[in-house]
């Protein structure tokens, strides 16, 4: 799934997501797949990700990640949970 405009996910997505074109992805729900954040794009995670986050833009994590977080410019809240594979 390619995201090229701002999007909020409140439910369950079962596929990989790529955030492009300076878009912002906000996740309150669950993503069962990887998220790739391209340069100039961003993502804020309040929900749960069952997969790896590849960050080339900016990313803030407040929720739970069951997978790896790769990249720079990543802000991880003290209450976030990351279970690395």
PDB file of N, CA and C in Angstrom:
ATOM      1  N   UNK A   1       0.858  -1.172   0.000  1.00  0.00           N
ATOM      2  CA  UNK A   1       0.000   0.000   0.000  1.00  0.00           C
ATOM      3  C   UNK A   1       0.898   1.228   0.000  1.00  0.00           C
ATOM      4  N   UNK A   2       0.691   2.091  -0.969  1.00  0.00           N
ATOM      5  CA  UNK A   2       1.477   3.312  -1.072  1.00  0.00           C
ATOM      6  C   UNK A   2       0.647   4.493  -0.577  1.00  0.00           C
ATOM      7  N   UNK A   3       1.186   5.220   0.385  1.00  0.00           N
ATOM      8  CA  UNK A   3       0.517   6.383   0.968  1.00  0.00           C
ATOM      9  C   UNK A   3       1.201   7.634   0.433  1.00  0.00           C
ATOM     10  N   UNK A   4       0.483   8.459  -0.347  1.00  0.00           N
ATOM     11  CA  UNK A   4       1.089   9.683  -0.864  1.00  0.00           C
ATOM     12  C   UNK A   4       0.323  10.933  -0.448  1.00  0.00           C
ATOM     13  N   UNK A   5      -0.600  10.769   0.496  1.00  0.00           N
ATOM     14  CA  UNK A   5      -1.258  11.915   1.129  1.00  0.00           C
ATOM     15  C   UNK A   5      -1.521  11.542   2.577  1.00  0.00           C
ATOM     16  N   UNK A   6      -1.769  12.525   3.418  1.00  0.00           N
ATOM     17  CA  UNK A   6      -1.937  12.277   4.850  1.00  0.00           C
ATOM     18  C   UNK A   6      -3.051  11.267   5.104  1.00  0.00           C
ATOM     19  N   UNK A   7      -2.788  10.341   6.044  1.00  0.00           N
ATOM     20  CA  UNK A   7      -3.737   9.267   6.329  1.00  0.00           C
ATOM     21  C   UNK A   7      -3.674   8.882   7.798  1.00  0.00           C
ATOM     22  N   UNK A   8      -4.841   8.618   8.383  1.00  0.00           N
ATOM     23  CA  UNK A   8      -4.940   8.091   9.741  1.00  0.00           C
ATOM     24  C   UNK A   8      -5.519   6.685   9.650  1.00  0.00           C
ATOM     25  N   UNK A   9      -4.830   5.725  10.274  1.00  0.00           N
ATOM     26  CA  UNK A   9      -5.305   4.341  10.311  1.00  0.00           C
ATOM     27  C   UNK A   9      -5.863   4.072  11.704  1.00  0.00           C
ATOM     28  N   UNK A  10      -7.158   3.745  11.745  1.00  0.00           N
ATOM     29  CA  UNK A  10      -7.810   3.429  13.018  1.00  0.00           C
ATOM     30  C   UNK A  10      -8.163   1.947  13.141  1.00  0.00           C
ATOM     31  N   UNK A  11      -7.960   1.184  12.086  1.00  0.00           N
ATOM     32  CA  UNK A  11      -8.363  -0.217  12.091  1.00  0.00           C
ATOM     33  C   UNK A  11      -7.144  -1.107  11.849  1.00  0.00           C
ATOM     34  N   UNK A  12      -7.326  -2.251  11.203  1.00  0.00           N
ATOM     35  CA  UNK A  12      -6.243  -3.203  10.946  1.00  0.00           C
ATOM     36  C   UNK A  12      -5.891  -3.189   9.463  1.00  0.00           C
ATOM     37  N   UNK A  13      -4.593  -3.076   9.175  1.00  0.00           N
ATOM     38  CA  UNK A  13      -4.090  -3.158   7.802  1.00  0.00           C
ATOM     39  C   UNK A  13      -3.163  -4.365   7.737  1.00  0.00           C
ATOM     40  N   UNK A  14      -3.398  -5.232   6.753  1.00  0.00           N
ATOM     41  CA  UNK A  14      -2.600  -6.455   6.628  1.00  0.00           C
ATOM     42  C   UNK A  14      -1.816  -6.388   5.313  1.00  0.00           C
ATOM     43  N   UNK A  15      -0.848  -5.507   5.248  1.00  0.00           N
ATOM     44  CA  UNK A  15       0.065  -5.411   4.109  1.00  0.00           C
ATOM     45  C   UNK A  15       1.156  -4.401   4.441  1.00  0.00           C
ATOM     46  N   UNK A  16       2.212  -4.401   3.651  1.00  0.00           N
ATOM     47  CA  UNK A  16       3.295  -3.439   3.821  1.00  0.00           C
ATOM     48  C   UNK A  16       2.836  -2.060   3.363  1.00  0.00           C
ATOM     49  N   UNK A  17       3.372  -1.028   4.026  1.00  0.00           N
ATOM     50  CA  UNK A  17       2.996   0.350   3.724  1.00  0.00           C
ATOM     51  C   UNK A  17       4.258   1.147   3.410  1.00  0.00           C
ATOM     52  N   UNK A  18       4.191   1.968   2.360  1.00  0.00           N
ATOM     53  CA  UNK A  18       5.252   2.915   2.038  1.00  0.00           C
ATOM     54  C   UNK A  18       4.659   4.317   2.067  1.00  0.00           C
ATOM     55  N   UNK A  19       5.270   5.203   2.868  1.00  0.00           N
ATOM     56  CA  UNK A  19       4.804   6.586   2.996  1.00  0.00           C
ATOM     57  C   UNK A  19       5.705   7.453   2.126  1.00  0.00           C
ATOM     58  N   UNK A  20       5.110   8.133   1.120  1.00  0.00           N
ATOM     59  CA  UNK A  20       5.888   8.913   0.153  1.00  0.00           C
ATOM     60  C   UNK A  20       5.342  10.333   0.020  1.00  0.00           C
ATOM     61  N   UNK A  21       6.003  11.125  -0.804  1.00  0.00           N
ATOM     62  CA  UNK A  21       5.478  12.418  -1.260  1.00  0.00           C
ATOM     63  C   UNK A  21       5.166  13.383  -0.114  1.00  0.00           C
ATOM     64  N   UNK A  22       6.026  13.418   0.894  1.00  0.00           N
ATOM     65  CA  UNK A  22       5.862  14.323   2.046  1.00  0.00           C
ATOM     66  C   UNK A  22       4.570  14.073   2.824  1.00  0.00           C
ATOM     67  N   UNK A  23       4.026  12.867   2.735  1.00  0.00           N
ATOM     68  CA  UNK A  23       2.792  12.538   3.447  1.00  0.00           C
ATOM     69  C   UNK A  23       3.090  12.191   4.904  1.00  0.00           C
ATOM     70  N   UNK A  24       2.042  12.236   5.725  1.00  0.00           N
ATOM     71  CA  UNK A  24       2.140  11.833   7.126  1.00  0.00           C
ATOM     72  C   UNK A  24       1.154  10.703   7.381  1.00  0.00           C
ATOM     73  N   UNK A  25       1.655   9.631   7.976  1.00  0.00           N
ATOM     74  CA  UNK A  25       0.834   8.483   8.361  1.00  0.00           C
ATOM     75  C   UNK A  25       0.729   8.454   9.875  1.00  0.00           C
ATOM     76  N   UNK A  26      -0.501   8.420  10.383  1.00  0.00           N
ATOM     77  CA  UNK A  26      -0.732   8.296  11.823  1.00  0.00           C
ATOM     78  C   UNK A  26      -1.457   6.980  12.049  1.00  0.00           C
ATOM     79  N   UNK A  27      -0.898   6.145  12.917  1.00  0.00           N
ATOM     80  CA  UNK A  27      -1.467   4.818  13.171  1.00  0.00           C
ATOM     81  C   UNK A  27      -1.997   4.757  14.597  1.00  0.00           C
ATOM     82  N   UNK A  28      -3.312   4.586  14.724  1.00  0.00           N
ATOM     83  CA  UNK A  28      -3.945   4.307  16.012  1.00  0.00           C
ATOM     84  C   UNK A  28      -4.327   2.838  16.102  1.00  0.00           C
ATOM     85  N   UNK A  29      -4.413   2.176  14.966  1.00  0.00           N
ATOM     86  CA  UNK A  29      -4.826   0.777  14.892  1.00  0.00           C
ATOM     87  C   UNK A  29      -3.640  -0.167  14.873  1.00  0.00           C
ATOM     88  N   UNK A  30      -3.748  -1.212  14.045  1.00  0.00           N
ATOM     89  CA  UNK A  30      -2.737  -2.257  13.950  1.00  0.00           C
ATOM     90  C   UNK A  30      -2.303  -2.392  12.498  1.00  0.00           C
ATOM     91  N   UNK A  31      -0.991  -2.491  12.281  1.00  0.00           N
ATOM     92  CA  UNK A  31      -0.452  -2.779  10.956  1.00  0.00           C
ATOM     93  C   UNK A  31       0.297  -4.105  11.041  1.00  0.00           C
ATOM     94  N   UNK A  32      -0.167  -5.092  10.285  1.00  0.00           N
ATOM     95  CA  UNK A  32       0.521  -6.375  10.177  1.00  0.00           C
ATOM     96  C   UNK A  32       1.330  -6.352   8.885  1.00  0.00           C
ATOM     97  N   UNK A  33       2.504  -5.760   8.952  1.00  0.00           N
ATOM     98  CA  UNK A  33       3.382  -5.605   7.800  1.00  0.00           C
ATOM     99  C   UNK A  33       4.433  -4.551   8.108  1.00  0.00           C
ATOM    100  N   UNK A  34       5.344  -4.367   7.192  1.00  0.00           N
ATOM    101  CA  UNK A  34       6.414  -3.385   7.362  1.00  0.00           C
ATOM    102  C   UNK A  34       5.935  -1.994   6.950  1.00  0.00           C
ATOM    103  N   UNK A  35       6.554  -0.971   7.553  1.00  0.00           N
ATOM    104  CA  UNK A  35       6.303   0.413   7.160  1.00  0.00           C
ATOM    105  C   UNK A  35       7.619   1.025   6.712  1.00  0.00           C
ATOM    106  N   UNK A  36       7.643   1.569   5.497  1.00  0.00           N
ATOM    107  CA  UNK A  36       8.799   2.300   4.992  1.00  0.00           C
ATOM    108  C   UNK A  36       8.411   3.768   4.878  1.00  0.00           C
ATOM    109  N   UNK A  37       9.176   4.611   5.553  1.00  0.00           N
ATOM    110  CA  UNK A  37       8.915   6.054   5.544  1.00  0.00           C
ATOM    111  C   UNK A  37      10.013   6.705   4.716  1.00  0.00           C
ATOM    112  N   UNK A  38       9.652   7.215   3.554  1.00  0.00           N
ATOM    113  CA  UNK A  38      10.642   7.816   2.665  1.00  0.00           C
ATOM    114  C   UNK A  38      11.003   9.229   3.128  1.00  0.00           C
ATOM    115  N   UNK A  39      12.082   9.773   2.565  1.00  0.00           N
ATOM    116  CA  UNK A  39      12.556  11.093   2.984  1.00  0.00           C
ATOM    117  C   UNK A  39      11.462  12.140   2.776  1.00  0.00           C
ATOM    118  N   UNK A  40      11.433  13.101   3.661  1.00  0.00           N
ATOM    119  CA  UNK A  40      10.436  14.182   3.707  1.00  0.00           C
ATOM    120  C   UNK A  40       9.052  13.707   4.109  1.00  0.00           C
ATOM    121  N   UNK A  41       8.880  12.433   4.416  1.00  0.00           N
ATOM    122  CA  UNK A  41       7.597  11.913   4.904  1.00  0.00           C
ATOM    123  C   UNK A  41       7.732  11.604   6.392  1.00  0.00           C
ATOM    124  N   UNK A  42       6.593  11.355   7.045  1.00  0.00           N
ATOM    125  CA  UNK A  42       6.645  11.114   8.488  1.00  0.00           C
ATOM    126  C   UNK A  42       5.558  10.140   8.918  1.00  0.00           C
ATOM    127  N   UNK A  43       5.756   9.607  10.112  1.00  0.00           N
ATOM    128  CA  UNK A  43       4.776   8.699  10.688  1.00  0.00           C
ATOM    129  C   UNK A  43       4.769   8.850  12.197  1.00  0.00           C
ATOM    130  N   UNK A  44       3.572   8.781  12.769  1.00  0.00           N
ATOM    131  CA  UNK A  44       3.409   8.789  14.218  1.00  0.00           C
ATOM    132  C   UNK A  44       2.648   7.516  14.570  1.00  0.00           C
ATOM    133  N   UNK A  45       3.230   6.702  15.449  1.00  0.00           N
ATOM    134  CA  UNK A  45       2.666   5.405  15.800  1.00  0.00           C
ATOM    135  C   UNK A  45       2.141   5.444  17.229  1.00  0.00           C
ATOM    136  N   UNK A  46       0.817   5.331  17.373  1.00  0.00           N
ATOM    137  CA  UNK A  46       0.191   5.205  18.678  1.00  0.00           C
ATOM    138  C   UNK A  46      -0.302   3.773  18.896  1.00  0.00           C
ATOM    139  N   UNK A  47      -0.520   3.063  17.825  1.00  0.00           N
ATOM    140  CA  UNK A  47      -1.054   1.704  17.881  1.00  0.00           C
ATOM    141  C   UNK A  47       0.052   0.666  17.891  1.00  0.00           C
ATOM    142  N   UNK A  48      -0.184  -0.446  17.154  1.00  0.00           N
ATOM    143  CA  UNK A  48       0.757  -1.567  17.159  1.00  0.00           C
ATOM    144  C   UNK A  48       1.187  -1.896  15.735  1.00  0.00           C
ATOM    145  N   UNK A  49       2.492  -2.144  15.575  1.00  0.00           N
ATOM    146  CA  UNK A  49       3.057  -2.549  14.303  1.00  0.00           C
ATOM    147  C   UNK A  49       3.667  -3.937  14.481  1.00  0.00           C
ATOM    148  N   UNK A  50       3.206  -4.888  13.689  1.00  0.00           N
ATOM    149  CA  UNK A  50       3.786  -6.227  13.678  1.00  0.00           C
ATOM    150  C   UNK A  50       4.639  -6.350  12.421  1.00  0.00           C
ATOM    151  N   UNK A  51       5.821  -5.783  12.474  1.00  0.00           N
ATOM    152  CA  UNK A  51       6.726  -5.741  11.332  1.00  0.00           C
ATOM    153  C   UNK A  51       7.834  -4.745  11.610  1.00  0.00           C
ATOM    154  N   UNK A  52       8.646  -4.488  10.615  1.00  0.00           N
ATOM    155  CA  UNK A  52       9.788  -3.592  10.751  1.00  0.00           C
ATOM    156  C   UNK A  52       9.441  -2.198  10.233  1.00  0.00           C
ATOM    157  N   UNK A  53       9.960  -1.177  10.918  1.00  0.00           N
ATOM    158  CA  UNK A  53       9.847   0.198  10.447  1.00  0.00           C
ATOM    159  C   UNK A  53      11.185   0.588   9.843  1.00  0.00           C
ATOM    160  N   UNK A  54      11.166   0.979   8.563  1.00  0.00           N
ATOM    161  CA  UNK A  54      12.338   1.489   7.870  1.00  0.00           C
ATOM    162  C   UNK A  54      12.132   2.991   7.713  1.00  0.00           C
ATOM    163  N   UNK A  55      12.902   3.785   8.456  1.00  0.00           N
ATOM    164  CA  UNK A  55      12.670   5.225   8.476  1.00  0.00           C
ATOM    165  C   UNK A  55      13.767   5.981   7.740  1.00  0.00           C
ATOM    166  N   UNK A  56      13.377   6.702   6.689  1.00  0.00           N
ATOM    167  CA  UNK A  56      14.273   7.594   5.971  1.00  0.00           C
ATOM    168  C   UNK A  56      13.770   9.038   6.079  1.00  0.00           C
ATOM    169  N   UNK A  57      12.658   9.230   6.787  1.00  0.00           N
ATOM    170  CA  UNK A  57      12.063  10.547   7.010  1.00  0.00           C
ATOM    171  C   UNK A  57      12.109  10.858   8.494  1.00  0.00           C
ATOM    172  N   UNK A  58      10.927  10.962   9.111  1.00  0.00           N
ATOM    173  CA  UNK A  58      10.868  11.131  10.561  1.00  0.00           C
ATOM    174  C   UNK A  58       9.775  10.236  11.121  1.00  0.00           C
ATOM    175  N   UNK A  59      10.003   9.751  12.336  1.00  0.00           N
ATOM    176  CA  UNK A  59       9.083   8.798  12.941  1.00  0.00           C
ATOM    177  C   UNK A  59       9.031   9.035  14.449  1.00  0.00           C
ATOM    178  N   UNK A  60       7.812   9.014  14.988  1.00  0.00           N
ATOM    179  CA  UNK A  60       7.606   9.093  16.430  1.00  0.00           C
ATOM    180  C   UNK A  60       6.834   7.860  16.857  1.00  0.00           C
ATOM    181  N   UNK A  61       7.306   7.205  17.916  1.00  0.00           N
ATOM    182  CA  UNK A  61       6.684   5.963  18.378  1.00  0.00           C
ATOM    183  C   UNK A  61       6.197   6.144  19.804  1.00  0.00           C
ATOM    184  N   UNK A  62       4.894   5.941  19.991  1.00  0.00           N
ATOM    185  CA  UNK A  62       4.276   5.986  21.308  1.00  0.00           C
ATOM    186  C   UNK A  62       3.625   4.646  21.656  1.00  0.00           C
ATOM    187  N   UNK A  63       3.489   3.785  20.664  1.00  0.00           N
ATOM    188  CA  UNK A  63       2.778   2.519  20.833  1.00  0.00           C
ATOM    189  C   UNK A  63       3.701   1.335  20.981  1.00  0.00           C
ATOM    190  N   UNK A  64       3.331   0.210  20.320  1.00  0.00           N
ATOM    191  CA  UNK A  64       4.060  -1.048  20.454  1.00  0.00           C
ATOM    192  C   UNK A  64       4.524  -1.522  19.083  1.00  0.00           C
ATOM    193  N   UNK A  65       5.808  -1.893  19.002  1.00  0.00           N
ATOM    194  CA  UNK A  65       6.391  -2.406  17.774  1.00  0.00           C
ATOM    195  C   UNK A  65       6.866  -3.831  18.041  1.00  0.00           C
ATOM    196  N   UNK A  66       6.313  -4.788  17.315  1.00  0.00           N
ATOM    197  CA  UNK A  66       6.797  -6.162  17.360  1.00  0.00           C
ATOM    198  C   UNK A  66       7.649  -6.385  16.120  1.00  0.00           C
ATOM    199  N   UNK A  67       8.876  -5.920  16.177  1.00  0.00           N
ATOM    200  CA  UNK A  67       9.791  -5.964  15.043  1.00  0.00           C
ATOM    201  C   UNK A  67      10.910  -4.967  15.258  1.00  0.00           C
ATOM    202  N   UNK A  68      11.665  -4.713  14.227  1.00  0.00           N
ATOM    203  CA  UNK A  68      12.819  -3.824  14.321  1.00  0.00           C
ATOM    204  C   UNK A  68      12.469  -2.416  13.869  1.00  0.00           C
ATOM    205  N   UNK A  69      13.264  -1.465  14.354  1.00  0.00           N
ATOM    206  CA  UNK A  69      13.137  -0.070  13.943  1.00  0.00           C
ATOM    207  C   UNK A  69      14.491   0.341  13.380  1.00  0.00           C
ATOM    208  N   UNK A  70      14.519   0.665  12.082  1.00  0.00           N
ATOM    209  CA  UNK A  70      15.777   0.935  11.391  1.00  0.00           C
ATOM    210  C   UNK A  70      15.741   2.349  10.825  1.00  0.00           C
ATOM    211  N   UNK A  71      16.813   3.114  11.065  1.00  0.00           N
ATOM    212  CA  UNK A  71      16.908   4.448  10.508  1.00  0.00           C
ATOM    213  C   UNK A  71      17.293   5.469  11.554  1.00  0.00           C
ATOM    214  N   UNK A  72      17.279   6.723  11.151  1.00  0.00           N
ATOM    215  CA  UNK A  72      17.613   7.840  12.024  1.00  0.00           C
ATOM    216  C   UNK A  72      16.400   8.746  12.175  1.00  0.00           C
ATOM    217  N   UNK A  73      16.537   9.758  13.030  1.00  0.00           N
ATOM    218  CA  UNK A  73      15.462  10.724  13.278  1.00  0.00           C
ATOM    219  C   UNK A  73      14.202  10.026  13.777  1.00  0.00           C
ATOM    220  N   UNK A  74      14.395   9.121  14.746  1.00  0.00           N
ATOM    221  CA  UNK A  74      13.285   8.373  15.335  1.00  0.00           C
ATOM    222  C   UNK A  74      13.162   8.781  16.797  1.00  0.00           C
ATOM    223  N   UNK A  75      11.979   9.245  17.184  1.00  0.00           N
ATOM    224  CA  UNK A  75      11.718   9.608  18.575  1.00  0.00           C
ATOM    225  C   UNK A  75      10.893   8.487  19.200  1.00  0.00           C
ATOM    226  N   UNK A  76      11.385   7.931  20.293  1.00  0.00           N
ATOM    227  CA  UNK A  76      10.693   6.832  20.964  1.00  0.00           C
ATOM    228  C   UNK A  76      10.297   7.299  22.355  1.00  0.00           C
ATOM    229  N   UNK A  77       8.999   7.298  22.613  1.00  0.00           N
ATOM    230  CA  UNK A  77       8.473   7.714  23.921  1.00  0.00           C
ATOM    231  C   UNK A  77       8.894   6.728  25.002  1.00  0.00           C
ATOM    232  N   UNK A  78       8.991   7.211  26.222  1.00  0.00           N
ATOM    233  CA  UNK A  78       9.407   6.347  27.333  1.00  0.00           C
ATOM    234  C   UNK A  78       8.394   5.232  27.610  1.00  0.00           C
ATOM    235  N   UNK A  79       7.137   5.422  27.223  1.00  0.00           N
ATOM    236  CA  UNK A  79       6.104   4.399  27.440  1.00  0.00           C
ATOM    237  C   UNK A  79       5.926   3.464  26.244  1.00  0.00           C
ATOM    238  N   UNK A  80       6.675   3.697  25.178  1.00  0.00           N
ATOM    239  CA  UNK A  80       6.576   2.832  23.994  1.00  0.00           C
ATOM    240  C   UNK A  80       7.235   1.480  24.305  1.00  0.00           C
ATOM    241  N   UNK A  81       6.764   0.453  23.580  1.00  0.00           N
ATOM    242  CA  UNK A  81       7.310  -0.896  23.748  1.00  0.00           C
ATOM    243  C   UNK A  81       7.830  -1.368  22.397  1.00  0.00           C
ATOM    244  N   UNK A  82       9.092  -1.782  22.361  1.00  0.00           N
ATOM    245  CA  UNK A  82       9.664  -2.311  21.122  1.00  0.00           C
ATOM    246  C   UNK A  82      10.215  -3.700  21.409  1.00  0.00           C
ATOM    247  N   UNK A  83       9.606  -4.710  20.795  1.00  0.00           N
ATOM    248  CA  UNK A  83      10.042  -6.097  20.907  1.00  0.00           C
ATOM    249  C   UNK A  83      10.802  -6.441  19.634  1.00  0.00           C
ATOM    250  N   UNK A  84      12.135  -6.322  19.689  1.00  0.00           N
ATOM    251  CA  UNK A  84      12.944  -6.543  18.489  1.00  0.00           C
ATOM    252  C   UNK A  84      12.972  -8.029  18.128  1.00  0.00           C
ATOM    253  N   UNK A  85      13.010  -8.282  16.829  1.00  0.00           N
ATOM    254  CA  UNK A  85      13.130  -9.662  16.337  1.00  0.00           C
ATOM    255  C   UNK A  85      14.558 -10.117  16.373  1.00  0.00           C
TER     256      UNK A  85
END
